[in-house]
C-alpha cells in the first residue's frame, strides 16, 4: 500500500482532494486517505468521507467502505480522542482511483466556493462539548449511511460533511447548518412515524369493525 505525503496541513483541503486523484496507482487505499488528512484532524476526515459517499455512494459496496470509517470517527470524536485509529484490515480496503476522480470532479467546485467564504467564528459551536455532541450525531448518521437503503446515503452524508467542514475550519456557522439538517431529519422521521402509525391504527380499526 503506497504512502504518499500530501502535506495536507499546509495546503487547502480542495487541493489535497485533487492531488489524491492524480496519482498513478489505480487503487486508492483507505490507509492512504487517512494518512493524507490525518494531520488536519477528524473534521477533514469526516468531510472527506461524507463527500465521497455523496459523490460515488451510488456504486455498489462503496457506502460500506467509505461509510463504516465514519462510525469509528464519530465514536472517537465523541470520546475526545487525539488521533484516529482504524483496524489494519480496514486500512487495506480500497476503491478505484478512477471512481474517486470522477466523484471529486463533481464536488470540487462547491468545496472551493465554500472554502473561500468560510472563516473561524461562533467558537461555542466548535467547543469540546459541541464536538462530543457532533460525534454522537455522526455515529447515528453513519449507521444510517451504511444501511442498504437506495438513496439513503445522501442526506446523512451531507450533514456529516457539513459538520466535518465546520470542525476543520472552526466555523461555528457551518456547524449550525449541520444541526439544522439534523433537526430536519428528526422532523421528517417523526412525521413519517405519525403517518405510518395513524394509517396502521386506521386499518386496525377497520379490521376490528369488520
C-alpha atoms as a PDB file:
ATOM      1  CA  UNK A   1       0.000   0.000   0.000  1.00  0.00           C
ATOM      2  CA  UNK A   2       1.654   3.282  -1.092  1.00  0.00           C
ATOM      3  CA  UNK A   3       2.301   6.047   1.408  1.00  0.00           C
ATOM      4  CA  UNK A   4       2.225   9.493  -0.205  1.00  0.00           C
ATOM      5  CA  UNK A   5       2.959  12.789   1.517  1.00  0.00           C
ATOM      6  CA  UNK A   6       0.265  15.290   0.527  1.00  0.00           C
ATOM      7  CA  UNK A   7       1.377  17.965   3.031  1.00  0.00           C
ATOM      8  CA  UNK A   8      -2.288  18.446   3.887  1.00  0.00           C
ATOM      9  CA  UNK A   9      -1.591  20.560   6.950  1.00  0.00           C
ATOM     10  CA  UNK A  10      -0.175  23.407   4.848  1.00  0.00           C
ATOM     11  CA  UNK A  11      -2.356  23.258   1.720  1.00  0.00           C
ATOM     12  CA  UNK A  12      -6.054  23.890   1.006  1.00  0.00           C
ATOM     13  CA  UNK A  13      -8.341  20.913   1.523  1.00  0.00           C
ATOM     14  CA  UNK A  14      -9.612  21.185  -2.066  1.00  0.00           C
ATOM     15  CA  UNK A  15      -6.059  20.980  -3.431  1.00  0.00           C
ATOM     16  CA  UNK A  16      -5.322  17.820  -1.457  1.00  0.00           C
ATOM     17  CA  UNK A  17      -8.562  16.291  -2.761  1.00  0.00           C
ATOM     18  CA  UNK A  18      -7.426  16.958  -6.305  1.00  0.00           C
ATOM     19  CA  UNK A  19      -3.871  15.699  -5.769  1.00  0.00           C
ATOM     20  CA  UNK A  20      -5.055  12.341  -4.433  1.00  0.00           C
ATOM     21  CA  UNK A  21      -6.749  11.608  -7.751  1.00  0.00           C
ATOM     22  CA  UNK A  22      -3.655  12.488  -9.797  1.00  0.00           C
ATOM     23  CA  UNK A  23      -1.553   9.545  -8.534  1.00  0.00           C
ATOM     24  CA  UNK A  24      -0.931   6.701 -11.000  1.00  0.00           C
ATOM     25  CA  UNK A  25      -1.842   3.821  -8.670  1.00  0.00           C
ATOM     26  CA  UNK A  26      -5.240   2.511  -9.885  1.00  0.00           C
ATOM     27  CA  UNK A  27      -6.217   1.565  -6.327  1.00  0.00           C
ATOM     28  CA  UNK A  28      -6.943   4.156  -3.660  1.00  0.00           C
ATOM     29  CA  UNK A  29      -6.483   2.611  -0.230  1.00  0.00           C
ATOM     30  CA  UNK A  30      -8.263   3.748   2.893  1.00  0.00           C
ATOM     31  CA  UNK A  31      -4.900   3.948   4.661  1.00  0.00           C
ATOM     32  CA  UNK A  32      -3.675   6.428   2.062  1.00  0.00           C
ATOM     33  CA  UNK A  33      -6.692   8.641   2.734  1.00  0.00           C
ATOM     34  CA  UNK A  34      -6.196   8.545   6.489  1.00  0.00           C
ATOM     35  CA  UNK A  35      -2.537   9.489   6.019  1.00  0.00           C
ATOM     36  CA  UNK A  36      -3.487  12.276   3.620  1.00  0.00           C
ATOM     37  CA  UNK A  37      -5.858  14.012   6.036  1.00  0.00           C
ATOM     38  CA  UNK A  38      -4.727  12.771   9.435  1.00  0.00           C
ATOM     39  CA  UNK A  39      -2.799  15.922  10.299  1.00  0.00           C
ATOM     40  CA  UNK A  40      -5.859  18.108   9.713  1.00  0.00           C
ATOM     41  CA  UNK A  41      -7.883  16.258  12.328  1.00  0.00           C
ATOM     42  CA  UNK A  42     -11.178  14.425  12.449  1.00  0.00           C
ATOM     43  CA  UNK A  43     -13.075  17.235  10.736  1.00  0.00           C
ATOM     44  CA  UNK A  44     -11.155  16.779   7.475  1.00  0.00           C
ATOM     45  CA  UNK A  45     -11.777  13.020   7.511  1.00  0.00           C
ATOM     46  CA  UNK A  46     -15.494  13.500   8.238  1.00  0.00           C
ATOM     47  CA  UNK A  47     -15.706  15.969   5.367  1.00  0.00           C
ATOM     48  CA  UNK A  48     -13.803  13.721   3.006  1.00  0.00           C
ATOM     49  CA  UNK A  49     -15.734  10.513   3.678  1.00  0.00           C
ATOM     50  CA  UNK A  50     -19.021  12.400   3.666  1.00  0.00           C
ATOM     51  CA  UNK A  51     -18.245  13.968   0.279  1.00  0.00           C
ATOM     52  CA  UNK A  52     -17.188  10.659  -1.215  1.00  0.00           C
ATOM     53  CA  UNK A  53     -20.392   8.999  -0.040  1.00  0.00           C
ATOM     54  CA  UNK A  54     -22.321  11.763  -1.794  1.00  0.00           C
ATOM     55  CA  UNK A  55     -20.242  11.620  -4.964  1.00  0.00           C
ATOM     56  CA  UNK A  56     -19.772   7.865  -5.518  1.00  0.00           C
ATOM     57  CA  UNK A  57     -22.094   6.275  -2.948  1.00  0.00           C
ATOM     58  CA  UNK A  58     -24.319   5.015  -5.758  1.00  0.00           C
ATOM     59  CA  UNK A  59     -21.602   2.488  -6.736  1.00  0.00           C
ATOM     60  CA  UNK A  60     -22.399  -0.842  -5.001  1.00  0.00           C
ATOM     61  CA  UNK A  61     -20.236  -1.518  -1.950  1.00  0.00           C
ATOM     62  CA  UNK A  62     -18.750   1.962  -1.625  1.00  0.00           C
ATOM     63  CA  UNK A  63     -21.039   3.078   1.202  1.00  0.00           C
ATOM     64  CA  UNK A  64     -19.686   0.233   3.328  1.00  0.00           C
ATOM     65  CA  UNK A  65     -16.042   1.038   2.567  1.00  0.00           C
ATOM     66  CA  UNK A  66     -16.470   4.801   2.903  1.00  0.00           C
ATOM     67  CA  UNK A  67     -19.284   4.858   5.459  1.00  0.00           C
ATOM     68  CA  UNK A  68     -18.005   2.380   8.038  1.00  0.00           C
ATOM     69  CA  UNK A  69     -14.983   4.537   8.996  1.00  0.00           C
ATOM     70  CA  UNK A  70     -17.411   7.339   9.867  1.00  0.00           C
ATOM     71  CA  UNK A  71     -18.821   5.151  12.642  1.00  0.00           C
ATOM     72  CA  UNK A  72     -15.364   4.879  14.194  1.00  0.00           C
ATOM     73  CA  UNK A  73     -14.615   8.554  13.562  1.00  0.00           C
ATOM     74  CA  UNK A  74     -17.868   9.545  15.276  1.00  0.00           C
ATOM     75  CA  UNK A  75     -17.101   7.351  18.284  1.00  0.00           C
ATOM     76  CA  UNK A  76     -13.606   8.788  18.600  1.00  0.00           C
ATOM     77  CA  UNK A  77     -14.797  12.383  18.253  1.00  0.00           C
ATOM     78  CA  UNK A  78     -17.435  11.651  20.894  1.00  0.00           C
ATOM     79  CA  UNK A  79     -14.805  10.263  23.290  1.00  0.00           C
ATOM     80  CA  UNK A  80     -12.359  13.114  22.554  1.00  0.00           C
ATOM     81  CA  UNK A  81      -9.528  11.024  21.098  1.00  0.00           C
ATOM     82  CA  UNK A  82      -6.474  12.853  19.747  1.00  0.00           C
ATOM     83  CA  UNK A  83      -5.710  10.649  16.753  1.00  0.00           C
ATOM     84  CA  UNK A  84      -7.851   8.462  14.515  1.00  0.00           C
ATOM     85  CA  UNK A  85      -7.468   4.702  14.901  1.00  0.00           C
ATOM     86  CA  UNK A  86      -8.707   2.223  12.308  1.00  0.00           C
ATOM     87  CA  UNK A  87      -8.007  -1.538  12.196  1.00  0.00           C
ATOM     88  CA  UNK A  88      -5.335  -2.681   9.740  1.00  0.00           C
ATOM     89  CA  UNK A  89      -7.809  -4.702   7.668  1.00  0.00           C
ATOM     90  CA  UNK A  90      -9.873  -1.563   7.117  1.00  0.00           C
ATOM     91  CA  UNK A  91      -6.827   0.464   6.066  1.00  0.00           C
ATOM     92  CA  UNK A  92      -6.151  -2.118   3.338  1.00  0.00           C
ATOM     93  CA  UNK A  93      -9.613  -1.715   1.789  1.00  0.00           C
ATOM     94  CA  UNK A  94      -9.629   0.167  -1.498  1.00  0.00           C
ATOM     95  CA  UNK A  95     -11.750   1.773  -4.198  1.00  0.00           C
ATOM     96  CA  UNK A  96     -10.899   2.510  -7.828  1.00  0.00           C
ATOM     97  CA  UNK A  97      -8.987   5.767  -8.148  1.00  0.00           C
ATOM     98  CA  UNK A  98     -10.831   6.474 -11.401  1.00  0.00           C
ATOM     99  CA  UNK A  99     -14.139   6.403  -9.492  1.00  0.00           C
ATOM    100  CA  UNK A 100     -12.605   8.736  -6.926  1.00  0.00           C
ATOM    101  CA  UNK A 101     -11.515  11.188  -9.625  1.00  0.00           C
ATOM    102  CA  UNK A 102     -14.979  11.193 -11.124  1.00  0.00           C
ATOM    103  CA  UNK A 103     -16.554  11.894  -7.741  1.00  0.00           C
ATOM    104  CA  UNK A 104     -14.097  14.662  -6.897  1.00  0.00           C
ATOM    105  CA  UNK A 105     -14.803  16.426 -10.178  1.00  0.00           C
ATOM    106  CA  UNK A 106     -18.427  16.644  -9.085  1.00  0.00           C
ATOM    107  CA  UNK A 107     -17.893  18.135  -5.623  1.00  0.00           C
ATOM    108  CA  UNK A 108     -14.641  20.100  -6.008  1.00  0.00           C
ATOM    109  CA  UNK A 109     -16.113  23.369  -7.391  1.00  0.00           C
ATOM    110  CA  UNK A 110     -18.578  23.552  -4.481  1.00  0.00           C
ATOM    111  CA  UNK A 111     -15.856  22.801  -1.919  1.00  0.00           C
ATOM    112  CA  UNK A 112     -13.716  25.613  -3.292  1.00  0.00           C
ATOM    113  CA  UNK A 113     -16.591  28.106  -3.140  1.00  0.00           C
ATOM    114  CA  UNK A 114     -17.364  27.262   0.483  1.00  0.00           C
ATOM    115  CA  UNK A 115     -13.645  27.338   1.359  1.00  0.00           C
ATOM    116  CA  UNK A 116     -13.411  30.942   0.187  1.00  0.00           C
ATOM    117  CA  UNK A 117     -16.387  32.009   2.321  1.00  0.00           C
ATOM    118  CA  UNK A 118     -15.506  30.120   5.488  1.00  0.00           C
ATOM    119  CA  UNK A 119     -13.665  31.577   8.483  1.00  0.00           C
ATOM    120  CA  UNK A 120     -13.369  30.875  12.237  1.00  0.00           C
ATOM    121  CA  UNK A 121     -16.488  32.179  14.063  1.00  0.00           C
ATOM    122  CA  UNK A 122     -19.073  31.235  16.716  1.00  0.00           C
ATOM    123  CA  UNK A 123     -16.456  29.335  18.736  1.00  0.00           C
ATOM    124  CA  UNK A 124     -19.131  27.930  21.057  1.00  0.00           C
ATOM    125  CA  UNK A 125     -20.319  25.673  18.239  1.00  0.00           C
ATOM    126  CA  UNK A 126     -16.861  24.086  17.904  1.00  0.00           C
ATOM    127  CA  UNK A 127     -16.094  23.776  21.616  1.00  0.00           C
ATOM    128  CA  UNK A 128     -15.230  20.468  23.305  1.00  0.00           C
ATOM    129  CA  UNK A 129     -18.846  19.913  24.402  1.00  0.00           C
ATOM    130  CA  UNK A 130     -20.059  20.642  20.890  1.00  0.00           C
ATOM    131  CA  UNK A 131     -17.558  18.160  19.452  1.00  0.00           C
ATOM    132  CA  UNK A 132     -18.903  15.428  21.754  1.00  0.00           C
ATOM    133  CA  UNK A 133     -22.455  16.137  20.554  1.00  0.00           C
ATOM    134  CA  UNK A 134     -21.299  16.191  16.925  1.00  0.00           C
ATOM    135  CA  UNK A 135     -19.613  12.820  17.478  1.00  0.00           C
ATOM    136  CA  UNK A 136     -22.851  11.348  18.816  1.00  0.00           C
ATOM    137  CA  UNK A 137     -24.816  12.675  15.836  1.00  0.00           C
ATOM    138  CA  UNK A 138     -22.172  11.348  13.440  1.00  0.00           C
ATOM    139  CA  UNK A 139     -22.453   7.821  14.873  1.00  0.00           C
ATOM    140  CA  UNK A 140     -26.221   7.772  14.308  1.00  0.00           C
ATOM    141  CA  UNK A 141     -25.947   9.273  10.821  1.00  0.00           C
ATOM    142  CA  UNK A 142     -23.124   6.910   9.834  1.00  0.00           C
ATOM    143  CA  UNK A 143     -25.199   3.926  10.951  1.00  0.00           C
ATOM    144  CA  UNK A 144     -27.988   5.086   8.640  1.00  0.00           C
ATOM    145  CA  UNK A 145     -25.413   5.644   5.926  1.00  0.00           C
ATOM    146  CA  UNK A 146     -24.144   2.055   5.820  1.00  0.00           C
ATOM    147  CA  UNK A 147     -27.634   0.553   5.700  1.00  0.00           C
ATOM    148  CA  UNK A 148     -28.602  -0.823   2.258  1.00  0.00           C
ATOM    149  CA  UNK A 149     -31.166   1.915   1.587  1.00  0.00           C
ATOM    150  CA  UNK A 150     -31.362   3.117  -2.022  1.00  0.00           C
ATOM    151  CA  UNK A 151     -30.606   6.839  -1.993  1.00  0.00           C
ATOM    152  CA  UNK A 152     -30.437   6.815   1.795  1.00  0.00           C
ATOM    153  CA  UNK A 153     -26.799   7.922   1.837  1.00  0.00           C
ATOM    154  CA  UNK A 154     -27.307  11.456   0.521  1.00  0.00           C
ATOM    155  CA  UNK A 155     -28.772  13.361   3.488  1.00  0.00           C
ATOM    156  CA  UNK A 156     -26.688  11.704   6.267  1.00  0.00           C
ATOM    157  CA  UNK A 157     -23.506  12.123   4.212  1.00  0.00           C
ATOM    158  CA  UNK A 158     -24.315  15.767   3.515  1.00  0.00           C
ATOM    159  CA  UNK A 159     -24.860  16.517   7.216  1.00  0.00           C
ATOM    160  CA  UNK A 160     -21.657  14.702   8.221  1.00  0.00           C
ATOM    161  CA  UNK A 161     -19.746  16.643   5.559  1.00  0.00           C
ATOM    162  CA  UNK A 162     -21.149  19.893   6.934  1.00  0.00           C
ATOM    163  CA  UNK A 163     -20.114  19.011  10.495  1.00  0.00           C
ATOM    164  CA  UNK A 164     -16.668  17.971   9.272  1.00  0.00           C
ATOM    165  CA  UNK A 165     -16.101  21.187   7.349  1.00  0.00           C
ATOM    166  CA  UNK A 166     -17.249  23.263  10.319  1.00  0.00           C
ATOM    167  CA  UNK A 167     -14.840  21.460  12.663  1.00  0.00           C
ATOM    168  CA  UNK A 168     -11.958  21.624  10.215  1.00  0.00           C
ATOM    169  CA  UNK A 169     -12.386  25.358   9.604  1.00  0.00           C
ATOM    170  CA  UNK A 170     -13.544  26.098  13.180  1.00  0.00           C
ATOM    171  CA  UNK A 171     -16.579  27.716  11.551  1.00  0.00           C
ATOM    172  CA  UNK A 172     -19.475  27.571  14.002  1.00  0.00           C
ATOM    173  CA  UNK A 173     -21.937  28.904  11.438  1.00  0.00           C
ATOM    174  CA  UNK A 174     -21.347  25.853   9.251  1.00  0.00           C
ATOM    175  CA  UNK A 175     -21.825  23.617  12.302  1.00  0.00           C
ATOM    176  CA  UNK A 176     -25.163  25.342  12.940  1.00  0.00           C
ATOM    177  CA  UNK A 177     -26.203  24.467   9.386  1.00  0.00           C
ATOM    178  CA  UNK A 178     -25.344  20.840  10.167  1.00  0.00           C
ATOM    179  CA  UNK A 179     -27.530  20.884  13.277  1.00  0.00           C
ATOM    180  CA  UNK A 180     -30.359  22.383  11.208  1.00  0.00           C
ATOM    181  CA  UNK A 181     -30.013  19.359   8.930  1.00  0.00           C
ATOM    182  CA  UNK A 182     -30.208  17.003  11.923  1.00  0.00           C
ATOM    183  CA  UNK A 183     -33.370  18.797  13.099  1.00  0.00           C
ATOM    184  CA  UNK A 184     -34.845  18.405   9.625  1.00  0.00           C
ATOM    185  CA  UNK A 185     -34.123  14.658   9.606  1.00  0.00           C
ATOM    186  CA  UNK A 186     -35.672  14.265  13.069  1.00  0.00           C
ATOM    187  CA  UNK A 187     -38.773  16.169  11.952  1.00  0.00           C
ATOM    188  CA  UNK A 188     -39.070  14.017   8.831  1.00  0.00           C
ATOM    189  CA  UNK A 189     -38.740  10.784  10.833  1.00  0.00           C
ATOM    190  CA  UNK A 190     -41.339  11.984  13.357  1.00  0.00           C
ATOM    191  CA  UNK A 191     -43.817  12.953  10.638  1.00  0.00           C
ATOM    192  CA  UNK A 192     -43.245   9.658   8.814  1.00  0.00           C
ATOM    193  CA  UNK A 193     -43.811   7.732  12.060  1.00  0.00           C
ATOM    194  CA  UNK A 194     -47.010   9.669  12.739  1.00  0.00           C
ATOM    195  CA  UNK A 195     -48.361   8.939   9.252  1.00  0.00           C
ATOM    196  CA  UNK A 196     -47.465   5.251   9.383  1.00  0.00           C
ATOM    197  CA  UNK A 197     -48.806   4.741  12.909  1.00  0.00           C
ATOM    198  CA  UNK A 198     -52.094   6.532  12.104  1.00  0.00           C
ATOM    199  CA  UNK A 199     -52.515   4.515   8.913  1.00  0.00           C
ATOM    200  CA  UNK A 200     -51.847   1.317  10.850  1.00  0.00           C
ATOM    201  CA  UNK A 201     -54.388   2.241  13.527  1.00  0.00           C
ATOM    202  CA  UNK A 202     -56.963   3.117  10.866  1.00  0.00           C
ATOM    203  CA  UNK A 203     -56.526  -0.256   9.186  1.00  0.00           C
ATOM    204  CA  UNK A 204     -56.655  -1.985  12.591  1.00  0.00           C
ATOM    205  CA  UNK A 205     -59.937  -0.298  13.490  1.00  0.00           C
ATOM    206  CA  UNK A 206     -61.471  -1.153  10.130  1.00  0.00           C
ATOM    207  CA  UNK A 207     -60.399  -4.757  10.520  1.00  0.00           C
ATOM    208  CA  UNK A 208     -61.792  -4.816  14.048  1.00  0.00           C
ATOM    209  CA  UNK A 209     -65.153  -3.429  12.923  1.00  0.00           C
ATOM    210  CA  UNK A 210     -65.340  -5.959  10.137  1.00  0.00           C
END
